[in-house]
Amino acid sequence: MSNNPNSESDSSPCCKPSHFAWSELVTSDLEGSAVFYATLFGWSITPFGSDYALFKKAGTEVAGMMKAPQPETPAQWRAYVMVEDVDEVVAKATEFGGKTLLQPMNVPEVGRIAIVTDPHGAAIGLFKPLDSKIDRPFTV
């Protein structure tokens, strides 16, 4: 296995640019969702701020959960792809007919994120960790 986390020959499934790096549930019912997924998958829940929590399995973060920004926002899972430059990818997405749902922003202790759509409206998150040499699943 290569020591270079960006090497395409590296068989590690995460976290390299253009690979999926994180999944996040957006829900208006944090408590109900926590109970459902804890029961379904045996995940534990660890609060991370007032409106965010981490799902963990055997002490390892497997996904996040956040309170929906507006009550009418439908519950949904968001997938984030690791990129080398969030701002550059947002610009390319717009150039290629996509739209920006969440402008690039820094998340303290985590990295930089944004959410874009493709020309058909499918949303996808973009993520660059604080440590761009990360070669393990996302952790905070």
N, C-alpha and C. Protein backbone atom coordinates (compact mmCIF):
# COMPACT_ATOMS: atom_id res chain seq x y z
N MET A 1 0.84 -1.17 0.00
CA MET A 1 0.00 0.00 0.00
C MET A 1 0.89 1.23 0.00
N SER A 2 0.55 2.21 -0.78
CA SER A 2 1.31 3.44 -0.90
C SER A 2 1.18 4.29 0.36
N ASN A 3 2.23 5.02 0.69
CA ASN A 3 2.18 5.98 1.80
C ASN A 3 1.53 7.29 1.37
N ASN A 4 1.33 7.48 0.09
CA ASN A 4 0.74 8.70 -0.43
C ASN A 4 -0.78 8.57 -0.42
N PRO A 5 -1.48 9.38 0.41
CA PRO A 5 -2.94 9.24 0.49
C PRO A 5 -3.65 9.62 -0.80
N ASN A 6 -2.95 10.29 -1.73
CA ASN A 6 -3.58 10.69 -2.98
C ASN A 6 -3.29 9.70 -4.10
N SER A 7 -2.54 8.65 -3.82
CA SER A 7 -2.18 7.67 -4.82
C SER A 7 -3.40 6.85 -5.22
N GLU A 8 -3.64 6.72 -6.51
CA GLU A 8 -4.76 5.93 -6.98
C GLU A 8 -4.52 4.44 -6.74
N SER A 9 -3.26 4.03 -6.56
CA SER A 9 -2.99 2.61 -6.33
C SER A 9 -3.23 2.21 -4.88
N ASP A 10 -3.44 3.17 -4.02
CA ASP A 10 -3.72 2.90 -2.61
C ASP A 10 -5.09 2.25 -2.51
N SER A 11 -5.17 1.10 -1.87
CA SER A 11 -6.45 0.39 -1.81
C SER A 11 -7.34 0.88 -0.67
N SER A 12 -6.87 1.83 0.14
CA SER A 12 -7.68 2.38 1.21
C SER A 12 -8.90 3.06 0.64
N PRO A 13 -10.11 2.77 1.15
CA PRO A 13 -11.33 3.32 0.58
C PRO A 13 -11.54 4.79 0.89
N CYS A 14 -10.83 5.35 1.85
CA CYS A 14 -11.10 6.71 2.28
C CYS A 14 -9.83 7.30 2.85
N CYS A 15 -9.58 8.34 2.80
CA CYS A 15 -10.11 9.57 2.26
C CYS A 15 -9.12 10.15 1.28
N LYS A 16 -9.42 10.07 0.03
CA LYS A 16 -8.60 10.60 -1.03
C LYS A 16 -9.46 11.54 -1.85
N PRO A 17 -8.83 12.54 -2.49
CA PRO A 17 -9.61 13.42 -3.36
C PRO A 17 -10.42 12.61 -4.36
N SER A 18 -11.64 13.02 -4.55
CA SER A 18 -12.65 12.45 -5.44
C SER A 18 -13.33 11.21 -4.86
N HIS A 19 -13.00 10.83 -3.63
CA HIS A 19 -13.66 9.71 -2.97
C HIS A 19 -14.66 10.23 -1.95
N PHE A 20 -15.71 9.45 -1.71
CA PHE A 20 -16.66 9.82 -0.68
C PHE A 20 -15.96 9.77 0.67
N ALA A 21 -16.18 10.81 1.50
CA ALA A 21 -15.45 10.93 2.75
C ALA A 21 -16.35 11.02 3.98
N TRP A 22 -17.60 11.39 3.82
CA TRP A 22 -18.45 11.60 4.99
C TRP A 22 -19.91 11.54 4.57
N SER A 23 -20.77 11.06 5.47
CA SER A 23 -22.22 11.06 5.27
C SER A 23 -22.84 11.78 6.46
N GLU A 24 -23.92 12.50 6.17
CA GLU A 24 -24.52 13.32 7.20
C GLU A 24 -26.04 13.31 7.04
N LEU A 25 -26.73 13.05 8.13
CA LEU A 25 -28.19 13.09 8.14
C LEU A 25 -28.64 14.48 8.53
N VAL A 26 -29.54 15.04 7.75
CA VAL A 26 -30.19 16.31 8.08
C VAL A 26 -31.61 15.96 8.49
N THR A 27 -32.02 16.37 9.69
CA THR A 27 -33.34 15.99 10.20
C THR A 27 -33.87 17.06 11.15
N SER A 28 -35.18 17.18 11.22
CA SER A 28 -35.79 18.10 12.17
C SER A 28 -36.00 17.41 13.52
N ASP A 29 -35.83 16.09 13.56
CA ASP A 29 -36.04 15.34 14.80
C ASP A 29 -34.75 14.62 15.19
N LEU A 30 -33.85 15.34 15.83
CA LEU A 30 -32.57 14.76 16.23
C LEU A 30 -32.76 13.57 17.17
N GLU A 31 -33.61 13.72 18.16
CA GLU A 31 -33.81 12.66 19.14
C GLU A 31 -34.40 11.40 18.50
N GLY A 32 -35.46 11.58 17.72
CA GLY A 32 -36.10 10.43 17.08
C GLY A 32 -35.16 9.74 16.10
N SER A 33 -34.41 10.52 15.34
CA SER A 33 -33.45 9.93 14.39
C SER A 33 -32.34 9.20 15.12
N ALA A 34 -31.88 9.77 16.22
CA ALA A 34 -30.82 9.13 17.01
C ALA A 34 -31.29 7.76 17.50
N VAL A 35 -32.50 7.70 18.01
CA VAL A 35 -33.04 6.43 18.52
C VAL A 35 -33.17 5.43 17.37
N PHE A 36 -33.69 5.87 16.24
CA PHE A 36 -33.89 4.97 15.10
C PHE A 36 -32.57 4.35 14.65
N TYR A 37 -31.56 5.18 14.38
CA TYR A 37 -30.30 4.66 13.86
C TYR A 37 -29.48 3.91 14.92
N ALA A 38 -29.59 4.32 16.17
CA ALA A 38 -28.91 3.58 17.24
C ALA A 38 -29.48 2.17 17.34
N THR A 39 -30.79 2.06 17.21
CA THR A 39 -31.45 0.76 17.28
C THR A 39 -31.18 -0.06 16.03
N LEU A 40 -31.26 0.58 14.88
CA LEU A 40 -31.09 -0.12 13.60
C LEU A 40 -29.68 -0.66 13.40
N PHE A 41 -28.67 0.18 13.68
CA PHE A 41 -27.29 -0.18 13.37
C PHE A 41 -26.40 -0.37 14.60
N GLY A 42 -26.92 -0.12 15.79
CA GLY A 42 -26.09 -0.23 16.98
C GLY A 42 -25.13 0.92 17.13
N TRP A 43 -25.47 2.06 16.54
CA TRP A 43 -24.62 3.24 16.64
C TRP A 43 -24.82 3.92 17.97
N SER A 44 -23.77 4.50 18.50
CA SER A 44 -23.91 5.39 19.65
C SER A 44 -23.93 6.82 19.11
N ILE A 45 -24.40 7.74 19.94
CA ILE A 45 -24.52 9.14 19.52
C ILE A 45 -23.73 10.00 20.48
N THR A 46 -22.88 10.87 19.90
CA THR A 46 -22.07 11.79 20.69
C THR A 46 -22.38 13.21 20.23
N PRO A 47 -22.90 14.08 21.11
CA PRO A 47 -23.15 15.47 20.71
C PRO A 47 -21.86 16.15 20.25
N PHE A 48 -21.99 17.02 19.27
CA PHE A 48 -20.88 17.83 18.75
C PHE A 48 -21.46 19.21 18.49
N GLY A 49 -21.51 20.05 19.50
CA GLY A 49 -22.20 21.33 19.40
C GLY A 49 -23.66 21.16 19.74
N SER A 50 -24.42 22.25 19.58
CA SER A 50 -25.82 22.21 20.00
C SER A 50 -26.76 21.56 18.99
N ASP A 51 -26.44 21.62 17.70
CA ASP A 51 -27.34 21.10 16.68
C ASP A 51 -26.67 20.05 15.80
N TYR A 52 -25.66 19.37 16.34
CA TYR A 52 -24.94 18.36 15.57
C TYR A 52 -24.58 17.20 16.49
N ALA A 53 -24.52 16.02 15.93
CA ALA A 53 -24.09 14.84 16.68
C ALA A 53 -23.33 13.91 15.75
N LEU A 54 -22.51 13.08 16.33
CA LEU A 54 -21.77 12.08 15.58
C LEU A 54 -22.34 10.71 15.87
N PHE A 55 -22.54 9.92 14.84
CA PHE A 55 -22.88 8.52 15.00
C PHE A 55 -21.56 7.77 15.08
N LYS A 56 -21.45 6.87 16.06
CA LYS A 56 -20.23 6.09 16.20
C LYS A 56 -20.57 4.61 16.29
N LYS A 57 -19.65 3.79 15.83
CA LYS A 57 -19.74 2.34 15.96
C LYS A 57 -18.38 1.88 16.48
N ALA A 58 -18.39 1.23 17.63
CA ALA A 58 -17.16 0.76 18.27
C ALA A 58 -16.16 1.91 18.46
N GLY A 59 -16.68 3.10 18.78
CA GLY A 59 -15.83 4.25 19.06
C GLY A 59 -15.34 5.01 17.84
N THR A 60 -15.67 4.55 16.64
CA THR A 60 -15.24 5.20 15.41
C THR A 60 -16.41 5.97 14.79
N GLU A 61 -16.16 7.23 14.42
CA GLU A 61 -17.22 8.01 13.76
C GLU A 61 -17.57 7.38 12.43
N VAL A 62 -18.88 7.19 12.19
CA VAL A 62 -19.32 6.62 10.93
C VAL A 62 -20.17 7.59 10.12
N ALA A 63 -20.74 8.60 10.78
CA ALA A 63 -21.58 9.58 10.09
C ALA A 63 -21.92 10.70 11.07
N GLY A 64 -22.50 11.76 10.53
CA GLY A 64 -22.95 12.87 11.36
C GLY A 64 -24.44 13.07 11.22
N MET A 65 -24.98 13.89 12.11
CA MET A 65 -26.41 14.22 12.07
C MET A 65 -26.55 15.67 12.49
N MET A 66 -27.29 16.44 11.70
CA MET A 66 -27.49 17.84 12.04
C MET A 66 -28.96 18.21 12.01
N LYS A 67 -29.30 19.22 12.79
CA LYS A 67 -30.66 19.73 12.82
C LYS A 67 -30.91 20.47 11.51
N ALA A 68 -32.05 20.20 10.90
CA ALA A 68 -32.42 20.86 9.65
C ALA A 68 -32.45 22.37 9.85
N PRO A 69 -31.92 23.13 8.89
CA PRO A 69 -31.87 24.59 9.06
C PRO A 69 -33.24 25.25 9.11
N GLN A 70 -34.23 24.68 8.43
CA GLN A 70 -35.61 25.16 8.48
C GLN A 70 -36.51 23.96 8.77
N PRO A 71 -37.57 24.17 9.54
CA PRO A 71 -38.47 23.04 9.89
C PRO A 71 -39.04 22.32 8.67
N GLU A 72 -39.23 23.02 7.56
CA GLU A 72 -39.81 22.39 6.38
C GLU A 72 -38.79 21.63 5.53
N THR A 73 -37.51 21.69 5.90
CA THR A 73 -36.48 20.95 5.17
C THR A 73 -36.73 19.46 5.34
N PRO A 74 -36.87 18.73 4.24
CA PRO A 74 -37.12 17.29 4.37
C PRO A 74 -35.89 16.56 4.92
N ALA A 75 -36.14 15.52 5.70
CA ALA A 75 -35.04 14.71 6.20
C ALA A 75 -34.32 14.09 5.00
N GLN A 76 -32.98 14.07 5.08
CA GLN A 76 -32.20 13.57 3.96
C GLN A 76 -30.79 13.22 4.41
N TRP A 77 -30.18 12.28 3.71
CA TRP A 77 -28.78 11.97 3.91
C TRP A 77 -27.98 12.74 2.88
N ARG A 78 -26.87 13.34 3.31
CA ARG A 78 -25.96 14.05 2.41
C ARG A 78 -24.63 13.30 2.37
N ALA A 79 -24.09 13.19 1.17
CA ALA A 79 -22.78 12.58 1.00
C ALA A 79 -21.78 13.68 0.66
N TYR A 80 -20.59 13.57 1.23
CA TYR A 80 -19.51 14.53 0.97
C TYR A 80 -18.35 13.83 0.29
N VAL A 81 -17.83 14.46 -0.76
CA VAL A 81 -16.67 13.96 -1.48
C VAL A 81 -15.47 14.82 -1.08
N MET A 82 -14.35 14.17 -0.80
CA MET A 82 -13.14 14.92 -0.46
C MET A 82 -12.56 15.54 -1.72
N VAL A 83 -12.20 16.81 -1.62
CA VAL A 83 -11.60 17.54 -2.73
C VAL A 83 -10.35 18.27 -2.23
N GLU A 84 -9.49 18.64 -3.15
CA GLU A 84 -8.28 19.36 -2.77
C GLU A 84 -8.53 20.84 -2.56
N ASP A 85 -9.55 21.39 -3.25
CA ASP A 85 -9.84 22.83 -3.15
C ASP A 85 -11.35 23.02 -3.30
N VAL A 86 -12.03 23.24 -2.20
CA VAL A 86 -13.49 23.39 -2.20
C VAL A 86 -13.93 24.53 -3.11
N ASP A 87 -13.29 25.68 -2.98
CA ASP A 87 -13.69 26.86 -3.77
C ASP A 87 -13.55 26.61 -5.28
N GLU A 88 -12.48 25.94 -5.66
CA GLU A 88 -12.25 25.63 -7.07
C GLU A 88 -13.32 24.69 -7.61
N VAL A 89 -13.68 23.69 -6.84
CA VAL A 89 -14.70 22.74 -7.29
C VAL A 89 -16.07 23.41 -7.37
N VAL A 90 -16.37 24.30 -6.43
CA VAL A 90 -17.64 25.04 -6.50
C VAL A 90 -17.69 25.87 -7.78
N ALA A 91 -16.59 26.53 -8.11
CA ALA A 91 -16.53 27.33 -9.34
C ALA A 91 -16.74 26.45 -10.57
N LYS A 92 -16.10 25.29 -10.60
CA LYS A 92 -16.27 24.36 -11.73
C LYS A 92 -17.70 23.86 -11.83
N ALA A 93 -18.30 23.52 -10.68
CA ALA A 93 -19.68 23.04 -10.70
C ALA A 93 -20.61 24.08 -11.31
N THR A 94 -20.41 25.33 -10.95
CA THR A 94 -21.23 26.41 -11.51
C THR A 94 -20.97 26.55 -13.01
N GLU A 95 -19.72 26.49 -13.39
CA GLU A 95 -19.34 26.57 -14.81
C GLU A 95 -19.99 25.45 -15.62
N PHE A 96 -20.12 24.28 -15.02
CA PHE A 96 -20.68 23.11 -15.72
C PHE A 96 -22.19 23.00 -15.58
N GLY A 97 -22.87 24.05 -15.07
CA GLY A 97 -24.32 24.07 -15.02
C GLY A 97 -24.93 23.74 -13.67
N GLY A 98 -24.10 23.52 -12.66
CA GLY A 98 -24.61 23.25 -11.32
C GLY A 98 -24.91 24.53 -10.57
N LYS A 99 -25.42 24.38 -9.37
CA LYS A 99 -25.73 25.53 -8.51
C LYS A 99 -25.10 25.31 -7.14
N THR A 100 -24.87 26.38 -6.44
CA THR A 100 -24.31 26.30 -5.10
C THR A 100 -25.44 26.42 -4.08
N LEU A 101 -25.61 25.40 -3.25
CA LEU A 101 -26.62 25.45 -2.19
C LEU A 101 -26.03 26.00 -0.89
N LEU A 102 -24.78 25.66 -0.62
CA LEU A 102 -24.09 26.16 0.56
C LEU A 102 -22.73 26.65 0.11
N GLN A 103 -22.52 27.96 0.25
CA GLN A 103 -21.24 28.56 -0.14
C GLN A 103 -20.10 27.94 0.66
N PRO A 104 -18.90 27.89 0.10
CA PRO A 104 -17.77 27.36 0.85
C PRO A 104 -17.64 28.05 2.21
N MET A 105 -17.43 27.22 3.23
CA MET A 105 -17.29 27.75 4.58
C MET A 105 -16.35 26.87 5.38
N ASN A 106 -15.70 27.47 6.36
CA ASN A 106 -14.83 26.72 7.25
C ASN A 106 -15.64 26.20 8.42
N VAL A 107 -15.39 24.95 8.80
CA VAL A 107 -15.99 24.34 9.98
C VAL A 107 -14.85 24.16 10.98
N PRO A 108 -14.91 24.89 12.11
CA PRO A 108 -13.81 24.81 13.08
C PRO A 108 -13.48 23.37 13.47
N GLU A 109 -12.23 23.07 13.53
CA GLU A 109 -11.69 21.77 13.92
C GLU A 109 -11.98 20.65 12.93
N VAL A 110 -12.58 20.97 11.78
CA VAL A 110 -12.96 19.94 10.81
C VAL A 110 -12.33 20.20 9.46
N GLY A 111 -12.66 21.34 8.83
CA GLY A 111 -12.14 21.64 7.50
C GLY A 111 -13.04 22.62 6.78
N ARG A 112 -13.07 22.53 5.47
CA ARG A 112 -13.86 23.43 4.63
C ARG A 112 -14.88 22.59 3.87
N ILE A 113 -16.11 23.10 3.79
CA ILE A 113 -17.19 22.38 3.11
C ILE A 113 -17.97 23.31 2.20
N ALA A 114 -18.75 22.73 1.32
CA ALA A 114 -19.73 23.43 0.49
C ALA A 114 -20.70 22.36 -0.01
N ILE A 115 -21.85 22.80 -0.52
CA ILE A 115 -22.80 21.87 -1.13
C ILE A 115 -23.21 22.46 -2.47
N VAL A 116 -23.13 21.63 -3.50
CA VAL A 116 -23.51 22.04 -4.85
C VAL A 116 -24.53 21.05 -5.40
N THR A 117 -25.19 21.45 -6.48
CA THR A 117 -26.05 20.52 -7.20
C THR A 117 -25.50 20.33 -8.61
N ASP A 118 -25.84 19.21 -9.20
CA ASP A 118 -25.53 19.02 -10.62
C ASP A 118 -26.62 19.72 -11.43
N PRO A 119 -26.53 19.76 -12.75
CA PRO A 119 -27.54 20.46 -13.56
C PRO A 119 -28.96 19.89 -13.40
N HIS A 120 -29.08 18.67 -12.86
CA HIS A 120 -30.39 18.05 -12.69
C HIS A 120 -30.95 18.22 -11.29
N GLY A 121 -30.19 18.88 -10.42
CA GLY A 121 -30.67 19.17 -9.07
C GLY A 121 -30.19 18.23 -7.98
N ALA A 122 -29.41 17.21 -8.31
CA ALA A 122 -28.89 16.30 -7.29
C ALA A 122 -27.79 17.00 -6.49
N ALA A 123 -27.93 17.02 -5.17
CA ALA A 123 -26.98 17.71 -4.31
C ALA A 123 -25.84 16.78 -3.89
N ILE A 124 -24.66 17.38 -3.72
CA ILE A 124 -23.51 16.65 -3.21
C ILE A 124 -22.64 17.61 -2.41
N GLY A 125 -22.10 17.12 -1.31
CA GLY A 125 -21.24 17.93 -0.47
C GLY A 125 -19.79 17.80 -0.90
N LEU A 126 -19.04 18.86 -0.65
CA LEU A 126 -17.61 18.90 -0.92
C LEU A 126 -16.90 19.11 0.40
N PHE A 127 -15.78 18.45 0.60
CA PHE A 127 -15.10 18.48 1.88
C PHE A 127 -13.59 18.47 1.70
N LYS A 128 -12.92 19.39 2.37
CA LYS A 128 -11.46 19.37 2.47
C LYS A 128 -11.13 19.42 3.95
N PRO A 129 -10.50 18.36 4.47
CA PRO A 129 -10.16 18.35 5.89
C PRO A 129 -9.07 19.35 6.22
N LEU A 130 -8.98 19.74 7.48
CA LEU A 130 -7.91 20.61 7.91
C LEU A 130 -6.56 20.02 7.57
N ASP A 131 -6.41 18.72 7.77
CA ASP A 131 -5.18 18.01 7.46
C ASP A 131 -5.36 17.34 6.12
N SER A 132 -4.83 17.94 5.05
CA SER A 132 -5.05 17.40 3.71
C SER A 132 -4.34 16.08 3.49
N LYS A 133 -3.55 15.64 4.43
CA LYS A 133 -2.87 14.35 4.30
C LYS A 133 -3.63 13.25 5.01
N ILE A 134 -4.87 13.51 5.34
CA ILE A 134 -5.68 12.52 6.05
C ILE A 134 -5.81 11.27 5.20
N ASP A 135 -5.57 10.10 5.78
CA ASP A 135 -5.69 8.86 5.03
C ASP A 135 -6.48 7.83 5.84
N ARG A 136 -7.39 8.34 6.63
CA ARG A 136 -8.24 7.50 7.45
C ARG A 136 -9.64 8.07 7.38
N PRO A 137 -10.65 7.35 7.84
CA PRO A 137 -12.00 7.92 7.83
C PRO A 137 -12.04 9.24 8.59
N PHE A 138 -12.94 10.08 8.20
CA PHE A 138 -13.14 11.41 8.81
C PHE A 138 -13.28 11.30 10.31
N THR A 139 -12.60 12.14 11.02
CA THR A 139 -12.78 12.23 12.47
C THR A 139 -12.71 13.69 12.87
N VAL A 140 -13.32 14.01 13.98
CA VAL A 140 -13.25 15.38 14.51
C VAL A 140 -12.61 15.35 15.88
